[in-house]
């Protein structure tokens, strides 16, 4: 998506929707990123609004002041951001809140949500037919409640046209940094990340949690045995037949057990573990991409590239460059 504004352009109007029970960091994390970006040349004009224009009490009990109701906003907006609350059912049952989200989505060039804010956008019909992310614990509930939404449980954030939805809580900071980078370039976004002492925007497709730790609560001993074998040596020849032998069941039965226990297949789990192993090698070493691919079990750099593009949305080379540019900026600052 093309940048919405540039440093020399008109102000970029941002509306943040607040309501009782909203998670405080869902609101303040992105706000801090955007307002810090203004220090380095951005022109975000941010207003926080509530459905009735009154102050709200967040999930942590902190009272949050707002600028007013939707009437304080300009007719056209650059971005609207909808945060979430833990009890998403109460949020989507609030007709005034959902109506406000729907109205502001129509008035905005870019629509975003943090965590369970995706449920409010889904209830408003904004996510129908679109890919969307939310907190990994809520992904199944979002999928079940709104079958028209194509839920992706793993990424930190998901972009589908002008709609960007992010995972839980601190992922809102990653989302906001990505918006800043989109609007004003990587240099300015990096300055914001350094100022806030956070890692430069994680790629949107990056997993919310370690592939080796995420679904390890699978209770079935056969599934656990396979997962242990894969994580112990990702580069081993873990084909369907080999994994089935490890499990002591047929390949078809193993796939059924795996799906029931983890929601994914053995092949996809293996690929995610290998991507994670490759990421560690890219971040911590200087080996050529082809050698990293073999060490992580991919066999070829092209196979690894396809896996990276599918799971992370970036190539291995771009991933290493992004990590190195951030690390270099941080080490340079430390040396200075």
C-alpha atoms as a PDB file:
ATOM      1  CA  UNK A   1       0.000   0.000   0.000  1.00  0.00           C
ATOM      2  CA  UNK A   2       1.375   3.412  -0.892  1.00  0.00           C
ATOM      3  CA  UNK A   3       2.301   5.852   1.846  1.00  0.00           C
ATOM      4  CA  UNK A   4      -0.637   7.904   3.076  1.00  0.00           C
ATOM      5  CA  UNK A   5       1.265  11.080   3.871  1.00  0.00           C
ATOM      6  CA  UNK A   6       4.821  12.377   3.827  1.00  0.00           C
ATOM      7  CA  UNK A   7       6.607  14.601   6.319  1.00  0.00           C
ATOM      8  CA  UNK A   8       5.905  17.680   4.192  1.00  0.00           C
ATOM      9  CA  UNK A   9       2.268  16.787   3.489  1.00  0.00           C
ATOM     10  CA  UNK A  10      -0.893  17.720   5.356  1.00  0.00           C
ATOM     11  CA  UNK A  11      -1.601  16.256   8.795  1.00  0.00           C
ATOM     12  CA  UNK A  12      -2.597  12.616   8.857  1.00  0.00           C
ATOM     13  CA  UNK A  13      -5.720  12.437  11.014  1.00  0.00           C
ATOM     14  CA  UNK A  14      -5.883   9.379  13.257  1.00  0.00           C
ATOM     15  CA  UNK A  15      -8.910   8.375  15.320  1.00  0.00           C
ATOM     16  CA  UNK A  16      -8.432   5.942  18.208  1.00  0.00           C
ATOM     17  CA  UNK A  17     -11.648   4.417  19.517  1.00  0.00           C
ATOM     18  CA  UNK A  18     -11.851   4.077  23.320  1.00  0.00           C
ATOM     19  CA  UNK A  19     -14.550   2.396  25.394  1.00  0.00           C
ATOM     20  CA  UNK A  20     -15.068   0.978  28.867  1.00  0.00           C
ATOM     21  CA  UNK A  21     -13.056  -2.190  29.466  1.00  0.00           C
ATOM     22  CA  UNK A  22     -10.575  -1.503  26.661  1.00  0.00           C
ATOM     23  CA  UNK A  23      -7.065  -2.822  27.235  1.00  0.00           C
ATOM     24  CA  UNK A  24      -4.906   0.138  28.149  1.00  0.00           C
ATOM     25  CA  UNK A  25      -1.811  -0.869  26.162  1.00  0.00           C
ATOM     26  CA  UNK A  26      -3.926  -1.485  23.050  1.00  0.00           C
ATOM     27  CA  UNK A  27      -4.560   2.258  23.125  1.00  0.00           C
ATOM     28  CA  UNK A  28      -1.398   3.756  24.573  1.00  0.00           C
ATOM     29  CA  UNK A  29       1.128   1.600  22.678  1.00  0.00           C
ATOM     30  CA  UNK A  30       0.140   2.798  19.184  1.00  0.00           C
ATOM     31  CA  UNK A  31      -0.479   6.327  20.502  1.00  0.00           C
ATOM     32  CA  UNK A  32       3.068   6.508  21.854  1.00  0.00           C
ATOM     33  CA  UNK A  33       4.507   5.323  18.539  1.00  0.00           C
ATOM     34  CA  UNK A  34       2.552   7.831  16.456  1.00  0.00           C
ATOM     35  CA  UNK A  35       3.175  10.812  18.687  1.00  0.00           C
ATOM     36  CA  UNK A  36       6.869   9.934  18.959  1.00  0.00           C
ATOM     37  CA  UNK A  37       6.983   9.795  15.158  1.00  0.00           C
ATOM     38  CA  UNK A  38       5.905  13.452  15.169  1.00  0.00           C
ATOM     39  CA  UNK A  39       9.127  14.328  16.992  1.00  0.00           C
ATOM     40  CA  UNK A  40      11.056  13.023  13.977  1.00  0.00           C
ATOM     41  CA  UNK A  41       9.038  14.763  11.282  1.00  0.00           C
ATOM     42  CA  UNK A  42       5.758  12.897  10.928  1.00  0.00           C
ATOM     43  CA  UNK A  43       2.492  14.832  11.101  1.00  0.00           C
ATOM     44  CA  UNK A  44       0.008  12.560  12.828  1.00  0.00           C
ATOM     45  CA  UNK A  45      -2.918  14.443  14.351  1.00  0.00           C
ATOM     46  CA  UNK A  46      -4.264  11.908  16.826  1.00  0.00           C
ATOM     47  CA  UNK A  47      -7.612  12.120  18.606  1.00  0.00           C
ATOM     48  CA  UNK A  48      -9.087   9.587  20.991  1.00  0.00           C
ATOM     49  CA  UNK A  49     -12.861   9.318  20.885  1.00  0.00           C
ATOM     50  CA  UNK A  50     -15.532   7.286  22.662  1.00  0.00           C
ATOM     51  CA  UNK A  51     -19.060   6.508  21.461  1.00  0.00           C
ATOM     52  CA  UNK A  52     -20.685   9.002  23.857  1.00  0.00           C
ATOM     53  CA  UNK A  53     -17.768  11.427  24.096  1.00  0.00           C
ATOM     54  CA  UNK A  54     -17.130  10.639  27.757  1.00  0.00           C
ATOM     55  CA  UNK A  55     -14.005   9.370  29.489  1.00  0.00           C
ATOM     56  CA  UNK A  56     -13.614   5.596  29.790  1.00  0.00           C
ATOM     57  CA  UNK A  57     -12.262   3.174  32.376  1.00  0.00           C
ATOM     58  CA  UNK A  58      -9.768   0.697  30.959  1.00  0.00           C
ATOM     59  CA  UNK A  59      -9.341  -2.985  31.829  1.00  0.00           C
ATOM     60  CA  UNK A  60      -6.594  -2.062  34.284  1.00  0.00           C
ATOM     61  CA  UNK A  61      -8.834   0.421  36.097  1.00  0.00           C
ATOM     62  CA  UNK A  62      -7.070   3.489  34.713  1.00  0.00           C
ATOM     63  CA  UNK A  63      -9.432   6.282  33.690  1.00  0.00           C
ATOM     64  CA  UNK A  64      -8.627   7.441  30.176  1.00  0.00           C
ATOM     65  CA  UNK A  65      -9.532  10.932  29.021  1.00  0.00           C
ATOM     66  CA  UNK A  66     -10.832  11.329  25.464  1.00  0.00           C
ATOM     67  CA  UNK A  67     -11.136  14.257  23.091  1.00  0.00           C
ATOM     68  CA  UNK A  68     -14.866  13.740  22.729  1.00  0.00           C
ATOM     69  CA  UNK A  69     -17.239  11.846  20.475  1.00  0.00           C
ATOM     70  CA  UNK A  70     -17.070  11.319  16.700  1.00  0.00           C
ATOM     71  CA  UNK A  71     -18.224  14.907  16.122  1.00  0.00           C
ATOM     72  CA  UNK A  72     -14.743  16.200  17.074  1.00  0.00           C
ATOM     73  CA  UNK A  73     -13.202  14.373  14.108  1.00  0.00           C
ATOM     74  CA  UNK A  74     -12.794  15.718  10.580  1.00  0.00           C
ATOM     75  CA  UNK A  75     -15.075  14.300   7.910  1.00  0.00           C
ATOM     76  CA  UNK A  76     -12.241  12.298   6.319  1.00  0.00           C
ATOM     77  CA  UNK A  77      -9.633  10.357   8.295  1.00  0.00           C
ATOM     78  CA  UNK A  78      -6.286   8.877   7.413  1.00  0.00           C
ATOM     79  CA  UNK A  79      -6.439   6.010   9.905  1.00  0.00           C
ATOM     80  CA  UNK A  80      -8.877   4.624  12.446  1.00  0.00           C
ATOM     81  CA  UNK A  81      -7.603   2.293  15.156  1.00  0.00           C
ATOM     82  CA  UNK A  82      -9.943   0.005  17.091  1.00  0.00           C
ATOM     83  CA  UNK A  83      -8.425  -1.576  20.225  1.00  0.00           C
ATOM     84  CA  UNK A  84      -9.937  -4.524  22.061  1.00  0.00           C
ATOM     85  CA  UNK A  85     -11.110  -5.767  25.417  1.00  0.00           C
ATOM     86  CA  UNK A  86     -10.653  -9.198  26.956  1.00  0.00           C
ATOM     87  CA  UNK A  87     -14.395  -9.883  27.043  1.00  0.00           C
ATOM     88  CA  UNK A  88     -14.967  -9.367  23.334  1.00  0.00           C
ATOM     89  CA  UNK A  89     -18.589 -10.494  23.590  1.00  0.00           C
ATOM     90  CA  UNK A  90     -19.457  -7.429  25.641  1.00  0.00           C
ATOM     91  CA  UNK A  91     -17.695  -5.251  23.099  1.00  0.00           C
ATOM     92  CA  UNK A  92     -19.590  -6.625  20.091  1.00  0.00           C
ATOM     93  CA  UNK A  93     -22.872  -6.436  22.022  1.00  0.00           C
ATOM     94  CA  UNK A  94     -22.374  -2.661  22.356  1.00  0.00           C
ATOM     95  CA  UNK A  95     -24.340  -1.416  19.357  1.00  0.00           C
ATOM     96  CA  UNK A  96     -23.102   2.145  19.824  1.00  0.00           C
ATOM     97  CA  UNK A  97     -19.466   1.031  19.779  1.00  0.00           C
ATOM     98  CA  UNK A  98     -19.921  -1.200  16.733  1.00  0.00           C
ATOM     99  CA  UNK A  99     -21.812   1.566  14.963  1.00  0.00           C
ATOM    100  CA  UNK A 100     -18.998   4.022  15.656  1.00  0.00           C
ATOM    101  CA  UNK A 101     -16.397   1.590  14.321  1.00  0.00           C
ATOM    102  CA  UNK A 102     -18.459   1.046  11.168  1.00  0.00           C
ATOM    103  CA  UNK A 103     -18.926   4.787  10.638  1.00  0.00           C
ATOM    104  CA  UNK A 104     -15.259   5.635  11.104  1.00  0.00           C
ATOM    105  CA  UNK A 105     -14.168   2.759   8.859  1.00  0.00           C
ATOM    106  CA  UNK A 106     -16.157   4.293   6.006  1.00  0.00           C
ATOM    107  CA  UNK A 107     -14.578   7.688   6.674  1.00  0.00           C
ATOM    108  CA  UNK A 108     -10.990   6.380   6.838  1.00  0.00           C
ATOM    109  CA  UNK A 109      -8.459   5.496   4.182  1.00  0.00           C
ATOM    110  CA  UNK A 110      -6.892   2.884   6.472  1.00  0.00           C
ATOM    111  CA  UNK A 111      -8.628   0.767   9.106  1.00  0.00           C
ATOM    112  CA  UNK A 112      -6.671  -0.977  11.852  1.00  0.00           C
ATOM    113  CA  UNK A 113      -7.312  -3.003  14.996  1.00  0.00           C
ATOM    114  CA  UNK A 114      -5.311  -4.325  17.916  1.00  0.00           C
ATOM    115  CA  UNK A 115      -5.940  -7.695  19.571  1.00  0.00           C
ATOM    116  CA  UNK A 116      -9.662  -8.294  20.190  1.00  0.00           C
ATOM    117  CA  UNK A 117     -10.484  -5.090  18.321  1.00  0.00           C
ATOM    118  CA  UNK A 118     -10.784  -7.423  15.322  1.00  0.00           C
ATOM    119  CA  UNK A 119     -14.056  -8.706  16.795  1.00  0.00           C
ATOM    120  CA  UNK A 120     -15.527  -5.193  16.731  1.00  0.00           C
ATOM    121  CA  UNK A 121     -14.464  -4.738  13.100  1.00  0.00           C
ATOM    122  CA  UNK A 122     -15.862  -8.166  12.254  1.00  0.00           C
ATOM    123  CA  UNK A 123     -19.174  -7.343  13.922  1.00  0.00           C
ATOM    124  CA  UNK A 124     -19.255  -4.119  11.888  1.00  0.00           C
ATOM    125  CA  UNK A 125     -18.786  -6.126   8.675  1.00  0.00           C
ATOM    126  CA  UNK A 126     -15.425  -4.536   7.908  1.00  0.00           C
ATOM    127  CA  UNK A 127     -13.573  -7.868   7.843  1.00  0.00           C
ATOM    128  CA  UNK A 128     -16.012  -9.842   5.686  1.00  0.00           C
ATOM    129  CA  UNK A 129     -14.024 -11.725   3.048  1.00  0.00           C
ATOM    130  CA  UNK A 130     -10.739 -10.382   4.392  1.00  0.00           C
ATOM    131  CA  UNK A 131      -7.715 -11.957   6.062  1.00  0.00           C
ATOM    132  CA  UNK A 132      -7.382 -10.930   9.696  1.00  0.00           C
ATOM    133  CA  UNK A 133      -5.306 -11.515  12.825  1.00  0.00           C
ATOM    134  CA  UNK A 134      -6.051 -11.346  16.518  1.00  0.00           C
ATOM    135  CA  UNK A 135      -4.516 -12.652  19.737  1.00  0.00           C
ATOM    136  CA  UNK A 136      -3.608 -16.295  19.197  1.00  0.00           C
ATOM    137  CA  UNK A 137      -5.826 -17.382  22.096  1.00  0.00           C
ATOM    138  CA  UNK A 138      -8.830 -15.780  20.391  1.00  0.00           C
ATOM    139  CA  UNK A 139      -8.237 -16.928  16.818  1.00  0.00           C
ATOM    140  CA  UNK A 140     -10.552 -19.939  17.000  1.00  0.00           C
ATOM    141  CA  UNK A 141     -13.289 -17.853  18.605  1.00  0.00           C
ATOM    142  CA  UNK A 142     -13.012 -15.197  15.899  1.00  0.00           C
ATOM    143  CA  UNK A 143     -13.156 -17.887  13.222  1.00  0.00           C
ATOM    144  CA  UNK A 144     -16.190 -19.540  14.802  1.00  0.00           C
ATOM    145  CA  UNK A 145     -18.099 -16.314  15.486  1.00  0.00           C
ATOM    146  CA  UNK A 146     -17.411 -14.756  12.083  1.00  0.00           C
ATOM    147  CA  UNK A 147     -17.016 -17.429   9.394  1.00  0.00           C
ATOM    148  CA  UNK A 148     -16.844 -14.757   6.658  1.00  0.00           C
ATOM    149  CA  UNK A 149     -13.463 -13.658   8.076  1.00  0.00           C
ATOM    150  CA  UNK A 150     -10.328 -15.540   6.977  1.00  0.00           C
ATOM    151  CA  UNK A 151      -8.572 -15.729  10.323  1.00  0.00           C
ATOM    152  CA  UNK A 152      -4.808 -16.234  10.488  1.00  0.00           C
ATOM    153  CA  UNK A 153      -3.832 -17.327  13.979  1.00  0.00           C
ATOM    154  CA  UNK A 154      -0.071 -16.944  13.791  1.00  0.00           C
ATOM    155  CA  UNK A 155       1.080 -13.579  12.355  1.00  0.00           C
ATOM    156  CA  UNK A 156       1.888 -10.506  14.431  1.00  0.00           C
ATOM    157  CA  UNK A 157      -0.277  -8.512  12.051  1.00  0.00           C
ATOM    158  CA  UNK A 158      -2.082  -9.080   8.771  1.00  0.00           C
ATOM    159  CA  UNK A 159      -2.634  -6.546   5.983  1.00  0.00           C
ATOM    160  CA  UNK A 160      -5.517  -7.013   3.550  1.00  0.00           C
ATOM    161  CA  UNK A 161      -5.826  -3.959   1.343  1.00  0.00           C
ATOM    162  CA  UNK A 162      -6.553  -0.895   3.507  1.00  0.00           C
ATOM    163  CA  UNK A 163      -7.353  -3.044   6.557  1.00  0.00           C
ATOM    164  CA  UNK A 164      -4.581  -4.054   8.986  1.00  0.00           C
ATOM    165  CA  UNK A 165      -5.336  -6.200  12.034  1.00  0.00           C
ATOM    166  CA  UNK A 166      -2.794  -7.130  14.692  1.00  0.00           C
ATOM    167  CA  UNK A 167      -2.288  -9.735  17.371  1.00  0.00           C
ATOM    168  CA  UNK A 168      -2.379  -9.201  21.102  1.00  0.00           C
ATOM    169  CA  UNK A 169      -1.439  -6.148  23.151  1.00  0.00           C
ATOM    170  CA  UNK A 170       2.223  -5.299  22.371  1.00  0.00           C
ATOM    171  CA  UNK A 171       1.673  -6.281  18.730  1.00  0.00           C
ATOM    172  CA  UNK A 172      -0.127  -2.944  18.495  1.00  0.00           C
ATOM    173  CA  UNK A 173       3.313  -1.320  18.813  1.00  0.00           C
ATOM    174  CA  UNK A 174       4.602  -3.445  15.920  1.00  0.00           C
ATOM    175  CA  UNK A 175       1.537  -2.471  13.927  1.00  0.00           C
ATOM    176  CA  UNK A 176       2.023   1.233  14.597  1.00  0.00           C
ATOM    177  CA  UNK A 177       5.732   1.064  13.700  1.00  0.00           C
ATOM    178  CA  UNK A 178       4.802  -0.633  10.435  1.00  0.00           C
ATOM    179  CA  UNK A 179       2.311   2.158   9.692  1.00  0.00           C
ATOM    180  CA  UNK A 180       4.982   4.763  10.365  1.00  0.00           C
ATOM    181  CA  UNK A 181       7.396   2.923   8.085  1.00  0.00           C
ATOM    182  CA  UNK A 182       4.716   2.726   5.405  1.00  0.00           C
ATOM    183  CA  UNK A 183       3.948   6.427   5.663  1.00  0.00           C
ATOM    184  CA  UNK A 184       7.426   7.862   6.201  1.00  0.00           C
ATOM    185  CA  UNK A 185      10.016   5.199   5.436  1.00  0.00           C
ATOM    186  CA  UNK A 186      12.204   2.811   7.389  1.00  0.00           C
ATOM    187  CA  UNK A 187      14.601   5.492   8.603  1.00  0.00           C
ATOM    188  CA  UNK A 188      12.014   7.463  10.523  1.00  0.00           C
ATOM    189  CA  UNK A 189      10.403   4.281  11.863  1.00  0.00           C
ATOM    190  CA  UNK A 190      13.805   3.115  13.079  1.00  0.00           C
ATOM    191  CA  UNK A 191      14.300   6.399  14.934  1.00  0.00           C
ATOM    192  CA  UNK A 192      10.966   5.884  16.688  1.00  0.00           C
ATOM    193  CA  UNK A 193      11.855   2.292  17.609  1.00  0.00           C
ATOM    194  CA  UNK A 194      15.197   3.390  19.049  1.00  0.00           C
ATOM    195  CA  UNK A 195      13.562   6.233  20.984  1.00  0.00           C
ATOM    196  CA  UNK A 196      11.034   3.828  22.524  1.00  0.00           C
ATOM    197  CA  UNK A 197      13.701   1.132  23.059  1.00  0.00           C
ATOM    198  CA  UNK A 198      11.775  -1.502  21.156  1.00  0.00           C
ATOM    199  CA  UNK A 199      12.808  -3.819  18.346  1.00  0.00           C
ATOM    200  CA  UNK A 200      12.339  -2.325  14.899  1.00  0.00           C
ATOM    201  CA  UNK A 201       8.933  -3.393  13.603  1.00  0.00           C
ATOM    202  CA  UNK A 202       8.774  -7.170  13.405  1.00  0.00           C
ATOM    203  CA  UNK A 203       7.664  -8.308   9.940  1.00  0.00           C
ATOM    204  CA  UNK A 204       3.898  -8.714   9.970  1.00  0.00           C
ATOM    205  CA  UNK A 205       4.076 -12.394   9.151  1.00  0.00           C
ATOM    206  CA  UNK A 206       6.393 -13.172  12.050  1.00  0.00           C
ATOM    207  CA  UNK A 207       4.910 -15.730  14.417  1.00  0.00           C
ATOM    208  CA  UNK A 208       3.279 -14.526  17.627  1.00  0.00           C
ATOM    209  CA  UNK A 209       5.186 -17.214  19.495  1.00  0.00           C
ATOM    210  CA  UNK A 210       7.953 -19.737  19.048  1.00  0.00           C
ATOM    211  CA  UNK A 211       6.995 -22.632  16.807  1.00  0.00           C
ATOM    212  CA  UNK A 212       8.818 -24.899  19.242  1.00  0.00           C
ATOM    213  CA  UNK A 213       6.787 -23.679  22.188  1.00  0.00           C
ATOM    214  CA  UNK A 214       3.438 -22.592  20.728  1.00  0.00           C
ATOM    215  CA  UNK A 215       1.422 -25.808  20.457  1.00  0.00           C
ATOM    216  CA  UNK A 216       3.493 -27.867  22.883  1.00  0.00           C
ATOM    217  CA  UNK A 217       0.469 -28.227  25.161  1.00  0.00           C
ATOM    218  CA  UNK A 218      -0.788 -30.973  22.822  1.00  0.00           C
ATOM    219  CA  UNK A 219      -1.794 -33.750  25.194  1.00  0.00           C
ATOM    220  CA  UNK A 220      -1.637 -36.747  22.852  1.00  0.00           C
ATOM    221  CA  UNK A 221       1.607 -38.703  23.449  1.00  0.00           C
ATOM    222  CA  UNK A 222       1.969 -39.601  19.752  1.00  0.00           C
ATOM    223  CA  UNK A 223       1.776 -35.950  18.735  1.00  0.00           C
ATOM    224  CA  UNK A 224       4.190 -34.929  21.462  1.00  0.00           C
ATOM    225  CA  UNK A 225       6.676 -37.586  20.346  1.00  0.00           C
ATOM    226  CA  UNK A 226       6.629 -36.261  16.784  1.00  0.00           C
ATOM    227  CA  UNK A 227       6.962 -32.653  17.921  1.00  0.00           C
ATOM    228  CA  UNK A 228       9.899 -33.563  20.137  1.00  0.00           C
ATOM    229  CA  UNK A 229      11.637 -35.357  17.263  1.00  0.00           C
ATOM    230  CA  UNK A 230      11.165 -32.381  14.932  1.00  0.00           C
ATOM    231  CA  UNK A 231      12.335 -29.735  17.386  1.00  0.00           C
ATOM    232  CA  UNK A 232      15.325 -31.831  18.483  1.00  0.00           C
ATOM    233  CA  UNK A 233      16.686 -31.938  14.918  1.00  0.00           C
ATOM    234  CA  UNK A 234      14.806 -29.813  12.367  1.00  0.00           C
ATOM    235  CA  UNK A 235      17.283 -30.706   9.606  1.00  0.00           C
ATOM    236  CA  UNK A 236      16.708 -34.457   9.858  1.00  0.00           C
ATOM    237  CA  UNK A 237      14.790 -36.164   7.011  1.00  0.00           C
ATOM    238  CA  UNK A 238      11.340 -35.776   8.552  1.00  0.00           C
ATOM    239  CA  UNK A 239       9.236 -36.903   5.597  1.00  0.00           C
ATOM    240  CA  UNK A 240       5.677 -38.190   6.127  1.00  0.00           C
ATOM    241  CA  UNK A 241       6.850 -41.816   6.252  1.00  0.00           C
ATOM    242  CA  UNK A 242       9.660 -41.044   8.697  1.00  0.00           C
ATOM    243  CA  UNK A 243       7.368 -39.112  11.026  1.00  0.00           C
ATOM    244  CA  UNK A 244       4.809 -41.900  10.850  1.00  0.00           C
ATOM    245  CA  UNK A 245       7.486 -44.409  11.866  1.00  0.00           C
ATOM    246  CA  UNK A 246       8.446 -42.167  14.780  1.00  0.00           C
ATOM    247  CA  UNK A 247       4.817 -42.051  15.847  1.00  0.00           C
ATOM    248  CA  UNK A 248       4.150 -45.751  15.268  1.00  0.00           C
ATOM    249  CA  UNK A 249       0.996 -44.978  13.260  1.00  0.00           C
ATOM    250  CA  UNK A 250       0.136 -44.463   9.607  1.00  0.00           C
ATOM    251  CA  UNK A 251       0.865 -41.111   7.988  1.00  0.00           C
ATOM    252  CA  UNK A 252      -2.865 -40.484   7.490  1.00  0.00           C
ATOM    253  CA  UNK A 253      -3.691 -41.259  11.105  1.00  0.00           C
ATOM    254  CA  UNK A 254      -0.828 -39.069  12.303  1.00  0.00           C
ATOM    255  CA  UNK A 255      -2.202 -36.143  10.301  1.00  0.00           C
ATOM    256  CA  UNK A 256      -5.631 -36.642  11.879  1.00  0.00           C
ATOM    257  CA  UNK A 257      -4.157 -36.779  15.384  1.00  0.00           C
ATOM    258  CA  UNK A 258      -1.988 -33.738  14.709  1.00  0.00           C
ATOM    259  CA  UNK A 259      -4.877 -31.663  13.392  1.00  0.00           C
ATOM    260  CA  UNK A 260      -7.047 -32.552  16.367  1.00  0.00           C
ATOM    261  CA  UNK A 261      -4.321 -31.702  18.891  1.00  0.00           C
ATOM    262  CA  UNK A 262      -2.729 -28.631  17.319  1.00  0.00           C
ATOM    263  CA  UNK A 263      -4.949 -27.346  14.516  1.00  0.00           C
ATOM    264  CA  UNK A 264      -2.183 -27.856  11.961  1.00  0.00           C
ATOM    265  CA  UNK A 265      -0.505 -30.689  10.068  1.00  0.00           C
ATOM    266  CA  UNK A 266       2.856 -32.376  10.734  1.00  0.00           C
ATOM    267  CA  UNK A 267       4.214 -30.898   7.500  1.00  0.00           C
ATOM    268  CA  UNK A 268       3.245 -27.353   8.424  1.00  0.00           C
ATOM    269  CA  UNK A 269       4.612 -27.747  11.923  1.00  0.00           C
ATOM    270  CA  UNK A 270       7.895 -29.048  10.510  1.00  0.00           C
ATOM    271  CA  UNK A 271       8.080 -26.090   8.140  1.00  0.00           C
ATOM    272  CA  UNK A 272       7.440 -23.580  10.936  1.00  0.00           C
ATOM    273  CA  UNK A 273      10.186 -25.139  13.103  1.00  0.00           C
ATOM    274  CA  UNK A 274      12.608 -25.083  10.189  1.00  0.00           C
ATOM    275  CA  UNK A 275      11.788 -21.432   9.492  1.00  0.00           C
ATOM    276  CA  UNK A 276      12.470 -20.631  13.130  1.00  0.00           C
ATOM    277  CA  UNK A 277      15.790 -22.489  12.985  1.00  0.00           C
ATOM    278  CA  UNK A 278      16.731 -20.604   9.821  1.00  0.00           C
ATOM    279  CA  UNK A 279      15.797 -17.283  11.403  1.00  0.00           C
ATOM    280  CA  UNK A 280      18.166 -17.966  14.292  1.00  0.00           C
ATOM    281  CA  UNK A 281      20.980 -18.800  11.852  1.00  0.00           C
ATOM    282  CA  UNK A 282      20.322 -15.689   9.771  1.00  0.00           C
ATOM    283  CA  UNK A 283      20.224 -13.464  12.846  1.00  0.00           C
ATOM    284  CA  UNK A 284      23.294 -14.887  14.547  1.00  0.00           C
ATOM    285  CA  UNK A 285      25.677 -15.779  11.726  1.00  0.00           C
ATOM    286  CA  UNK A 286      27.105 -14.811   8.375  1.00  0.00           C
ATOM    287  CA  UNK A 287      26.708 -18.080   6.463  1.00  0.00           C
ATOM    288  CA  UNK A 288      25.362 -17.768   2.900  1.00  0.00           C
ATOM    289  CA  UNK A 289      21.633 -18.286   2.514  1.00  0.00           C
ATOM    290  CA  UNK A 290      22.161 -21.592   0.674  1.00  0.00           C
ATOM    291  CA  UNK A 291      24.152 -22.982   3.614  1.00  0.00           C
ATOM    292  CA  UNK A 292      21.537 -21.750   6.094  1.00  0.00           C
ATOM    293  CA  UNK A 293      18.847 -23.486   4.052  1.00  0.00           C
ATOM    294  CA  UNK A 294      20.666 -26.817   4.225  1.00  0.00           C
ATOM    295  CA  UNK A 295      21.444 -26.446   7.933  1.00  0.00           C
ATOM    296  CA  UNK A 296      17.785 -25.731   8.726  1.00  0.00           C
ATOM    297  CA  UNK A 297      16.589 -28.732   6.719  1.00  0.00           C
ATOM    298  CA  UNK A 298      15.164 -27.015   3.642  1.00  0.00           C
ATOM    299  CA  UNK A 299      17.575 -28.540   1.168  1.00  0.00           C
ATOM    300  CA  UNK A 300      17.689 -25.488  -1.088  1.00  0.00           C
ATOM    301  CA  UNK A 301      17.535 -21.728  -0.742  1.00  0.00           C
ATOM    302  CA  UNK A 302      14.515 -21.602  -3.080  1.00  0.00           C
ATOM    303  CA  UNK A 303      12.514 -23.936  -0.823  1.00  0.00           C
ATOM    304  CA  UNK A 304      13.456 -21.809   2.177  1.00  0.00           C
ATOM    305  CA  UNK A 305      12.544 -18.613   0.312  1.00  0.00           C
ATOM    306  CA  UNK A 306       9.052 -19.940  -0.436  1.00  0.00           C
ATOM    307  CA  UNK A 307       8.568 -20.928   3.214  1.00  0.00           C
ATOM    308  CA  UNK A 308       9.736 -17.506   4.438  1.00  0.00           C
ATOM    309  CA  UNK A 309       7.445 -15.707   2.015  1.00  0.00           C
ATOM    310  CA  UNK A 310       4.478 -17.808   3.076  1.00  0.00           C
ATOM    311  CA  UNK A 311       5.033 -17.649   6.835  1.00  0.00           C
ATOM    312  CA  UNK A 312       6.796 -14.303   7.329  1.00  0.00           C
ATOM    313  CA  UNK A 313       5.962 -12.328   4.220  1.00  0.00           C
ATOM    314  CA  UNK A 314       9.651 -11.568   3.527  1.00  0.00           C
ATOM    315  CA  UNK A 315      12.547 -13.362   1.848  1.00  0.00           C
ATOM    316  CA  UNK A 316      15.435 -14.766   3.929  1.00  0.00           C
ATOM    317  CA  UNK A 317      17.736 -12.092   2.519  1.00  0.00           C
ATOM    318  CA  UNK A 318      15.305  -9.312   3.400  1.00  0.00           C
ATOM    319  CA  UNK A 319      14.794 -10.812   6.860  1.00  0.00           C
ATOM    320  CA  UNK A 320      18.537 -10.809   7.534  1.00  0.00           C
ATOM    321  CA  UNK A 321      18.880  -7.254   6.187  1.00  0.00           C
ATOM    322  CA  UNK A 322      16.065  -5.997   8.388  1.00  0.00           C
ATOM    323  CA  UNK A 323      17.505  -7.659  11.470  1.00  0.00           C
ATOM    324  CA  UNK A 324      21.021  -6.476  10.719  1.00  0.00           C
ATOM    325  CA  UNK A 325      19.953  -2.887   9.996  1.00  0.00           C
ATOM    326  CA  UNK A 326      18.158  -2.705  13.315  1.00  0.00           C
ATOM    327  CA  UNK A 327      20.967  -4.387  15.221  1.00  0.00           C
ATOM    328  CA  UNK A 328      23.501  -2.136  13.521  1.00  0.00           C
ATOM    329  CA  UNK A 329      21.571   0.987  14.448  1.00  0.00           C
ATOM    330  CA  UNK A 330      21.295  -0.157  18.052  1.00  0.00           C
ATOM    331  CA  UNK A 331      24.970  -1.105  18.353  1.00  0.00           C
ATOM    332  CA  UNK A 332      25.966   2.171  16.751  1.00  0.00           C
ATOM    333  CA  UNK A 333      23.877   4.057  19.267  1.00  0.00           C
ATOM    334  CA  UNK A 334      25.458   2.091  22.108  1.00  0.00           C
ATOM    335  CA  UNK A 335      28.944   2.801  20.802  1.00  0.00           C
ATOM    336  CA  UNK A 336      28.099   6.462  20.454  1.00  0.00           C
END
